[in-house]
Amino acid sequence: MNAIYATMMVASTNVQNEALDENGYGPGFLGFVFTAFLALAVIFLIRDMVRRVRRVRYASEAESKQNELMLKGENQPVQEPTDPVDPKTSEDS
């Protein structure tokens, strides 16, 4: 058992010494580019997912509001405002 342990220690020491060689150390520029690309892809995917979940949530809220109105007997579609209202130019004053 001790012979196996000693052999493993010698082998790992040789591997560690070879890994510290200045010519082959680190992932290099290609590793950096790949990691940066992966990080950007994850950021864009998360933004897209949040946008889609928000759309689904708003659609379900509008549908539940429509169902409430139908149950009350008011059969009017829920309409979103088409133009934003600017209080400075509003004609209600």
C-alpha atoms as a PDB file:
ATOM      1  CA  MET A   1       0.000   0.000   0.000  1.00  0.00           C
ATOM      2  CA  ASN A   2       2.838   2.374   0.850  1.00  0.00           C
ATOM      3  CA  ALA A   3       4.527   1.552  -2.474  1.00  0.00           C
ATOM      4  CA  ILE A   4       1.417   2.654  -4.403  1.00  0.00           C
ATOM      5  CA  TYR A   5       1.200   5.852  -2.369  1.00  0.00           C
ATOM      6  CA  ALA A   6       4.893   6.609  -2.923  1.00  0.00           C
ATOM      7  CA  THR A   7       4.558   5.973  -6.667  1.00  0.00           C
ATOM      8  CA  MET A   8       1.581   8.341  -6.865  1.00  0.00           C
ATOM      9  CA  MET A   9       3.497  11.050  -4.993  1.00  0.00           C
ATOM     10  CA  VAL A  10       6.490  10.774  -7.337  1.00  0.00           C
ATOM     11  CA  ALA A  11       4.248  10.810 -10.418  1.00  0.00           C
ATOM     12  CA  SER A  12       2.293  13.844  -9.235  1.00  0.00           C
ATOM     13  CA  THR A  13       5.543  15.692  -8.419  1.00  0.00           C
ATOM     14  CA  ASN A  14       6.799  15.090 -11.959  1.00  0.00           C
ATOM     15  CA  VAL A  15       3.513  16.304 -13.439  1.00  0.00           C
ATOM     16  CA  GLN A  16       3.550  19.436 -11.277  1.00  0.00           C
ATOM     17  CA  ASN A  17       7.093  20.266 -12.317  1.00  0.00           C
ATOM     18  CA  GLU A  18       6.179  19.862 -15.977  1.00  0.00           C
ATOM     19  CA  ALA A  19       3.068  22.049 -15.535  1.00  0.00           C
ATOM     20  CA  LEU A  20       5.159  24.929 -14.179  1.00  0.00           C
ATOM     21  CA  ASP A  21       7.144  25.125 -17.405  1.00  0.00           C
ATOM     22  CA  GLU A  22       6.964  28.708 -18.720  1.00  0.00           C
ATOM     23  CA  ASN A  23       6.196  27.668 -22.285  1.00  0.00           C
ATOM     24  CA  GLY A  24       3.082  25.614 -21.585  1.00  0.00           C
ATOM     25  CA  TYR A  25       1.535  27.374 -18.602  1.00  0.00           C
ATOM     26  CA  GLY A  26      -2.061  28.623 -18.678  1.00  0.00           C
ATOM     27  CA  PRO A  27      -4.872  28.522 -21.198  1.00  0.00           C
ATOM     28  CA  GLY A  28      -3.496  31.373 -23.296  1.00  0.00           C
ATOM     29  CA  PHE A  29      -5.289  33.836 -25.496  1.00  0.00           C
ATOM     30  CA  LEU A  30      -7.625  31.258 -27.018  1.00  0.00           C
ATOM     31  CA  GLY A  31      -8.882  30.284 -23.569  1.00  0.00           C
ATOM     32  CA  PHE A  32      -9.538  33.933 -22.751  1.00  0.00           C
ATOM     33  CA  VAL A  33     -11.462  34.483 -25.996  1.00  0.00           C
ATOM     34  CA  PHE A  34     -13.566  31.377 -25.443  1.00  0.00           C
ATOM     35  CA  THR A  35     -14.365  32.357 -21.843  1.00  0.00           C
ATOM     36  CA  ALA A  36     -15.301  35.915 -22.879  1.00  0.00           C
ATOM     37  CA  PHE A  37     -17.540  34.579 -25.667  1.00  0.00           C
ATOM     38  CA  LEU A  38     -19.226  32.194 -23.241  1.00  0.00           C
ATOM     39  CA  ALA A  39     -19.840  34.982 -20.716  1.00  0.00           C
ATOM     40  CA  LEU A  40     -21.380  37.250 -23.373  1.00  0.00           C
ATOM     41  CA  ALA A  41     -23.597  34.437 -24.639  1.00  0.00           C
ATOM     42  CA  VAL A  42     -24.880  33.776 -21.113  1.00  0.00           C
ATOM     43  CA  ILE A  43     -25.636  37.479 -20.576  1.00  0.00           C
ATOM     44  CA  PHE A  44     -27.636  37.707 -23.811  1.00  0.00           C
ATOM     45  CA  LEU A  45     -29.506  34.477 -23.076  1.00  0.00           C
ATOM     46  CA  ILE A  46     -30.487  35.674 -19.600  1.00  0.00           C
ATOM     47  CA  ARG A  47     -31.725  39.015 -20.972  1.00  0.00           C
ATOM     48  CA  ASP A  48     -33.801  37.229 -23.617  1.00  0.00           C
ATOM     49  CA  MET A  49     -35.244  34.831 -21.026  1.00  0.00           C
ATOM     50  CA  VAL A  50     -36.243  37.697 -18.710  1.00  0.00           C
ATOM     51  CA  ARG A  51     -37.941  39.491 -21.608  1.00  0.00           C
ATOM     52  CA  ARG A  52     -39.915  36.383 -22.595  1.00  0.00           C
ATOM     53  CA  VAL A  53     -40.993  35.623 -19.032  1.00  0.00           C
ATOM     54  CA  ARG A  54     -42.158  39.220 -18.618  1.00  0.00           C
ATOM     55  CA  ARG A  55     -44.248  38.957 -21.811  1.00  0.00           C
ATOM     56  CA  VAL A  56     -45.878  35.733 -20.632  1.00  0.00           C
ATOM     57  CA  ARG A  57     -46.636  37.247 -17.224  1.00  0.00           C
ATOM     58  CA  TYR A  58     -48.259  40.355 -18.761  1.00  0.00           C
ATOM     59  CA  ALA A  59     -50.307  38.218 -21.135  1.00  0.00           C
ATOM     60  CA  SER A  60     -51.595  36.059 -18.287  1.00  0.00           C
ATOM     61  CA  GLU A  61     -52.482  39.162 -16.239  1.00  0.00           C
ATOM     62  CA  ALA A  62     -54.448  40.608 -19.176  1.00  0.00           C
ATOM     63  CA  GLU A  63     -56.218  37.298 -19.687  1.00  0.00           C
ATOM     64  CA  SER A  64     -57.204  37.067 -16.017  1.00  0.00           C
ATOM     65  CA  LYS A  65     -58.466  40.670 -16.145  1.00  0.00           C
ATOM     66  CA  GLN A  66     -60.538  39.792 -19.220  1.00  0.00           C
ATOM     67  CA  ASN A  67     -61.967  36.742 -17.436  1.00  0.00           C
ATOM     68  CA  GLU A  68     -62.918  38.887 -14.423  1.00  0.00           C
ATOM     69  CA  LEU A  69     -64.750  41.345 -16.663  1.00  0.00           C
ATOM     70  CA  MET A  70     -66.593  38.530 -18.434  1.00  0.00           C
ATOM     71  CA  LEU A  71     -67.678  37.058 -15.105  1.00  0.00           C
ATOM     72  CA  LYS A  72     -69.029  40.448 -14.018  1.00  0.00           C
ATOM     73  CA  GLY A  73     -71.050  40.656 -17.225  1.00  0.00           C
ATOM     74  CA  GLU A  74     -68.994  43.353 -18.866  1.00  0.00           C
ATOM     75  CA  ASN A  75     -67.960  41.960 -22.210  1.00  0.00           C
ATOM     76  CA  GLN A  76     -65.469  44.675 -23.116  1.00  0.00           C
ATOM     77  CA  PRO A  77     -61.967  43.876 -24.335  1.00  0.00           C
ATOM     78  CA  VAL A  78     -59.080  45.174 -22.292  1.00  0.00           C
ATOM     79  CA  GLN A  79     -57.294  47.792 -24.373  1.00  0.00           C
ATOM     80  CA  GLU A  80     -53.802  49.070 -23.904  1.00  0.00           C
ATOM     81  CA  PRO A  81     -53.255  52.787 -24.478  1.00  0.00           C
ATOM     82  CA  THR A  82     -51.921  53.299 -27.980  1.00  0.00           C
ATOM     83  CA  ASP A  83     -50.059  56.552 -27.341  1.00  0.00           C
ATOM     84  CA  PRO A  84     -48.288  57.620 -24.189  1.00  0.00           C
ATOM     85  CA  VAL A  85     -49.995  60.520 -22.437  1.00  0.00           C
ATOM     86  CA  ASP A  86     -47.842  63.567 -21.827  1.00  0.00           C
ATOM     87  CA  PRO A  87     -49.209  65.595 -18.881  1.00  0.00           C
ATOM     88  CA  LYS A  88     -47.771  68.843 -20.281  1.00  0.00           C
ATOM     89  CA  THR A  89     -49.698  68.599 -23.529  1.00  0.00           C
ATOM     90  CA  SER A  90     -52.802  66.943 -22.150  1.00  0.00           C
ATOM     91  CA  GLU A  91     -56.112  68.622 -23.065  1.00  0.00           C
ATOM     92  CA  ASP A  92     -57.713  67.733 -19.716  1.00  0.00           C
ATOM     93  CA  SER A  93     -56.555  71.009 -18.048  1.00  0.00           C
END
